[in-house]
């Protein structure tokens, strides 16, 4: 319960709302890295996951921040989440609803850093207080032009670290 001087500032049963439940950063103070996207969703880096316990509201927002390059062919980049390190074994409730376009269009060489969000509720989470692991996955619609994800670095002018976090939502 969020209280100040005896006054509650949280909705009923929303303990932990806004609390960061889990946080993972990949690429800090190491050589930069990359992944050339394929046309299938793949969990391509085992460290790109967030581990957290289900809050009382049974509602969580997953956020991922990453850098992408569409490639010289201006290919679309897509991102998703999975509850399994093998994306094809994803058992999140309505897992297809988590598959989102990051870029759409044909901007040759389009580059950007973006933050995407996904919503999970009781249908996609373990029981209250139980542990969850959610992985990041990505793909492109064509490999022409070499669409790629990048992260990290230990020198100047390198890439945004990959960040994935879980945030508790109110009931």
Protein backbone atom coordinates (compact mmCIF):
# COMPACT_ATOMS: atom_id res chain seq x y z
CA UNK A 1 0.00 0.00 0.00
CA UNK A 2 1.37 3.41 -0.94
CA UNK A 3 0.62 5.72 1.99
CA UNK A 4 1.59 9.12 3.24
CA UNK A 5 0.49 10.35 6.63
CA UNK A 6 -2.22 7.67 6.79
CA UNK A 7 -3.69 8.49 3.34
CA UNK A 8 -3.55 5.71 0.76
CA UNK A 9 -2.40 6.73 -2.73
CA UNK A 10 -2.78 3.37 -4.43
CA UNK A 11 -5.85 1.67 -5.83
CA UNK A 12 -7.19 -1.21 -3.77
CA UNK A 13 -5.15 -4.40 -4.19
CA UNK A 14 -2.50 -2.64 -6.29
CA UNK A 15 0.47 -3.15 -4.00
CA UNK A 16 3.70 -2.96 -5.98
CA UNK A 17 2.08 -0.90 -8.81
CA UNK A 18 4.85 0.92 -10.66
CA UNK A 19 7.57 -1.12 -8.98
CA UNK A 20 10.31 -2.48 -11.20
CA UNK A 21 10.12 -6.22 -10.63
CA UNK A 22 13.05 -7.25 -12.81
CA UNK A 23 15.74 -5.58 -14.92
CA UNK A 24 18.39 -6.89 -17.29
CA UNK A 25 20.98 -4.88 -19.21
CA UNK A 26 23.20 -6.50 -21.85
CA UNK A 27 26.21 -4.80 -23.42
CA UNK A 28 27.61 -2.59 -20.70
CA UNK A 29 31.38 -2.05 -20.90
CA UNK A 30 31.98 -4.94 -23.30
CA UNK A 31 32.70 -5.03 -27.02
CA UNK A 32 29.63 -4.14 -29.05
CA UNK A 33 27.63 -7.03 -30.44
CA UNK A 34 25.00 -7.61 -33.10
CA UNK A 35 22.55 -10.10 -34.53
CA UNK A 36 21.67 -10.33 -38.22
CA UNK A 37 17.91 -10.83 -38.24
CA UNK A 38 16.26 -13.81 -39.91
CA UNK A 39 12.68 -14.16 -41.17
CA UNK A 40 11.64 -16.22 -38.12
CA UNK A 41 11.22 -15.05 -34.54
CA UNK A 42 14.25 -16.26 -32.59
CA UNK A 43 15.45 -15.76 -29.03
CA UNK A 44 18.95 -15.06 -30.31
CA UNK A 45 20.71 -14.10 -27.06
CA UNK A 46 20.04 -16.16 -23.92
CA UNK A 47 20.92 -13.20 -21.66
CA UNK A 48 18.17 -11.03 -23.17
CA UNK A 49 15.53 -11.97 -20.64
CA UNK A 50 13.99 -10.62 -17.48
CA UNK A 51 13.24 -12.68 -14.36
CA UNK A 52 10.58 -11.49 -11.90
CA UNK A 53 7.88 -12.64 -9.50
CA UNK A 54 4.19 -12.18 -10.29
CA UNK A 55 2.81 -9.22 -8.29
CA UNK A 56 -0.57 -9.29 -6.46
CA UNK A 57 -2.29 -7.45 -9.35
CA UNK A 58 -1.22 -10.23 -11.76
CA UNK A 59 -0.53 -7.49 -14.34
CA UNK A 60 2.94 -6.68 -15.67
CA UNK A 61 4.38 -4.50 -18.40
CA UNK A 62 7.49 -5.81 -20.17
CA UNK A 63 9.65 -3.11 -21.79
CA UNK A 64 12.62 -3.66 -24.08
CA UNK A 65 14.96 -0.98 -25.44
CA UNK A 66 17.19 -1.83 -28.39
CA UNK A 67 18.92 -0.45 -31.48
CA UNK A 68 18.11 -1.68 -34.97
CA UNK A 69 19.22 -1.03 -38.53
CA UNK A 70 16.69 -1.84 -41.23
CA UNK A 71 19.43 -2.57 -43.72
CA UNK A 72 20.08 -1.25 -47.18
CA UNK A 73 16.85 -2.79 -48.44
CA UNK A 74 14.73 -0.98 -45.83
CA UNK A 75 13.35 -4.21 -44.40
CA UNK A 76 10.77 -4.29 -41.63
CA UNK A 77 11.96 -5.20 -38.12
CA UNK A 78 9.65 -7.00 -35.67
CA UNK A 79 9.98 -7.80 -31.95
CA UNK A 80 8.19 -10.11 -29.54
CA UNK A 81 8.46 -11.82 -26.15
CA UNK A 82 8.41 -15.47 -25.14
CA UNK A 83 8.18 -17.48 -21.94
CA UNK A 84 10.59 -20.02 -23.41
CA UNK A 85 14.18 -19.65 -24.61
CA UNK A 86 13.06 -21.46 -27.75
CA UNK A 87 10.54 -19.10 -29.36
CA UNK A 88 8.64 -21.87 -31.11
CA UNK A 89 7.88 -23.31 -27.65
CA UNK A 90 6.31 -20.02 -26.52
CA UNK A 91 3.26 -20.73 -24.36
CA UNK A 92 2.18 -17.19 -23.48
CA UNK A 93 -1.58 -16.81 -23.72
CA UNK A 94 -2.38 -15.58 -27.26
CA UNK A 95 1.34 -15.39 -27.99
CA UNK A 96 0.75 -13.94 -31.46
CA UNK A 97 -0.61 -10.73 -29.89
CA UNK A 98 2.91 -10.01 -28.63
CA UNK A 99 4.42 -9.92 -32.12
CA UNK A 100 4.85 -6.25 -33.09
CA UNK A 101 6.34 -4.28 -35.95
CA UNK A 102 9.18 -2.00 -34.87
CA UNK A 103 9.52 -0.42 -38.31
CA UNK A 104 7.27 -0.56 -41.32
CA UNK A 105 8.30 0.92 -44.62
CA UNK A 106 11.20 1.15 -46.93
CA UNK A 107 13.53 3.71 -45.45
CA UNK A 108 16.87 2.41 -46.69
CA UNK A 109 19.37 2.10 -43.90
CA UNK A 110 16.83 3.31 -41.34
CA UNK A 111 18.38 3.17 -37.90
CA UNK A 112 16.85 3.77 -34.53
CA UNK A 113 16.74 3.01 -30.85
CA UNK A 114 13.27 2.20 -29.63
CA UNK A 115 11.45 1.06 -26.51
CA UNK A 116 8.61 -1.38 -26.96
CA UNK A 117 6.08 -2.51 -24.37
CA UNK A 118 4.03 -5.65 -23.91
CA UNK A 119 1.25 -6.37 -21.41
CA UNK A 120 0.94 -9.63 -19.47
CA UNK A 121 -1.83 -10.62 -17.09
CA UNK A 122 -2.87 -13.70 -15.11
CA UNK A 123 -3.28 -15.67 -18.35
CA UNK A 124 0.42 -15.26 -19.18
CA UNK A 125 2.00 -15.24 -15.74
CA UNK A 126 2.75 -17.81 -13.07
CA UNK A 127 0.79 -17.68 -9.77
CA UNK A 128 1.20 -14.65 -7.50
CA UNK A 129 4.68 -14.73 -5.96
CA UNK A 130 5.98 -17.33 -8.44
CA UNK A 131 8.92 -16.69 -10.74
CA UNK A 132 8.59 -15.84 -14.45
CA UNK A 133 11.26 -15.57 -17.15
CA UNK A 134 10.42 -13.62 -20.30
CA UNK A 135 12.80 -13.59 -23.30
CA UNK A 136 13.11 -11.07 -26.13
CA UNK A 137 12.82 -12.29 -29.72
CA UNK A 138 13.07 -10.54 -33.09
CA UNK A 139 12.83 -11.09 -36.85
CA UNK A 140 12.56 -9.24 -40.16
CA UNK A 141 10.39 -9.72 -43.25
CA UNK A 142 13.40 -10.22 -45.56
CA UNK A 143 17.12 -10.60 -44.99
CA UNK A 144 17.96 -8.56 -48.10
CA UNK A 145 20.04 -5.56 -47.08
CA UNK A 146 21.13 -7.20 -43.78
CA UNK A 147 18.68 -5.88 -41.14
CA UNK A 148 20.50 -6.14 -37.81
CA UNK A 149 20.11 -5.49 -34.09
CA UNK A 150 23.06 -3.94 -32.22
CA UNK A 151 23.89 -3.43 -28.55
CA UNK A 152 26.62 -2.39 -26.17
CA UNK A 153 30.13 -1.16 -26.45
CA UNK A 154 33.24 -0.18 -24.55
CA UNK A 155 34.40 2.73 -26.68
CA UNK A 156 32.93 6.01 -27.91
CA UNK A 157 30.15 6.17 -30.49
CA UNK A 158 28.93 2.61 -29.99
CA UNK A 159 25.41 1.30 -29.33
CA UNK A 160 22.64 1.56 -26.77
CA UNK A 161 22.82 -1.31 -24.27
CA UNK A 162 19.95 -3.73 -24.63
CA UNK A 163 17.56 -3.32 -21.67
CA UNK A 164 14.53 -5.43 -20.74
CA UNK A 165 12.49 -4.84 -17.60
CA UNK A 166 9.29 -5.94 -15.89
CA UNK A 167 7.09 -3.34 -14.18
CA UNK A 168 4.12 -4.11 -11.91
CA UNK A 169 0.81 -2.61 -13.01
CA UNK A 170 -2.16 -1.73 -10.76
CA UNK A 171 -5.09 -4.11 -10.43
